[in-house]
Amino acid sequence: MTLFALLAAAPAFAQVSLYSSDELARLAAPIALYPDPLLAQVLAAATFPDQLPDAARWADAHRDLKGATLAQAMSAQHLGWDPTVQALLPFPMVLDVMASDADWVAKVGKAFLAQQQDVLDAVQRDRAKAIDFGYLRKNEHITVGSPPNVEIESINFADIVVPSYDPGVVFSAPSAGSPVTQAIHFDTHVEVGGFRLAEWNSEKFQVIGGYFQPWGWGFSGIDWSKRTVIINLAPWQRNWSNQGDYVHPYPELTRVPPHG
């Protein structure tokens, strides 16, 4: 049984149509090839666009801190941003991209609040294009699923890879002789912490002890079959109608079944 099969279904809510499918595909394109756990955090963080510039500056000022040392600094300073924004502090390059284009990230956040399923559909369309054109494939950094629910995961659960690519290239047909295998680069990896297997109720479970578990890295990802974002083992339920009131749960310790 997969992790997602054990989760209760997120309650449905009425979507508000702000963007067309083509507009959503363009909005999603810069992040569509991120591994699912990182994509989940980025989409949720985009719903707090006003917090991202300050978070990006903090992350830039603390670039020399990694792993446990960075987590200790984050905890000690009692940062006031939403946990999804803080979850990106180990990824200053991602925060830089988001903070440098306020208009784009605000639209992504609005789209995700109003049209969550449509946004995730757009991601899948982008991923299918990248596969069809030969740019996106399994390699030593990531695993890649198959349409219509293309999952992208880092090979190492505790080491999140951040791909870099030109959306204008990877979502378009390559010209003759183009080296498609060199269009996506995987130069950046961020260690979010390890895990160990434990016995619990006669079943094997992962006890997540990562550095950044308090900020949602206990388990984050996307249940593509239900088009539901999961952050810290809970469906992300912030939407257009409850955005002023919703508080996502962040338990201190999460026991989750092995993924897959």
Foldseek 3Di string as FASTA:
>chain_A
DFQVVPADDDDDDAFDDDDDLVVLLVLCLQPLQFAFQLSLLLLQVLLVLVCLVVLLVVLVVPVVDAWLRVLVVCVVVVDDDALSSVLCSLPSVVSCVSNVCSVSSNVSSQCCQRPLLSNLQSSQLQVQLLVVLPQDADDQFWHWDHPPQIGIHGPALQKGWDKGADSVASNDRDDPPDPSPPRIDGPDIGGQADWDWDADPNAIWIWDDGSSLQSFSSDWGAPRVSSFTDTSSHTDDRHDPCVVPDDDDRDPIDITHDGD
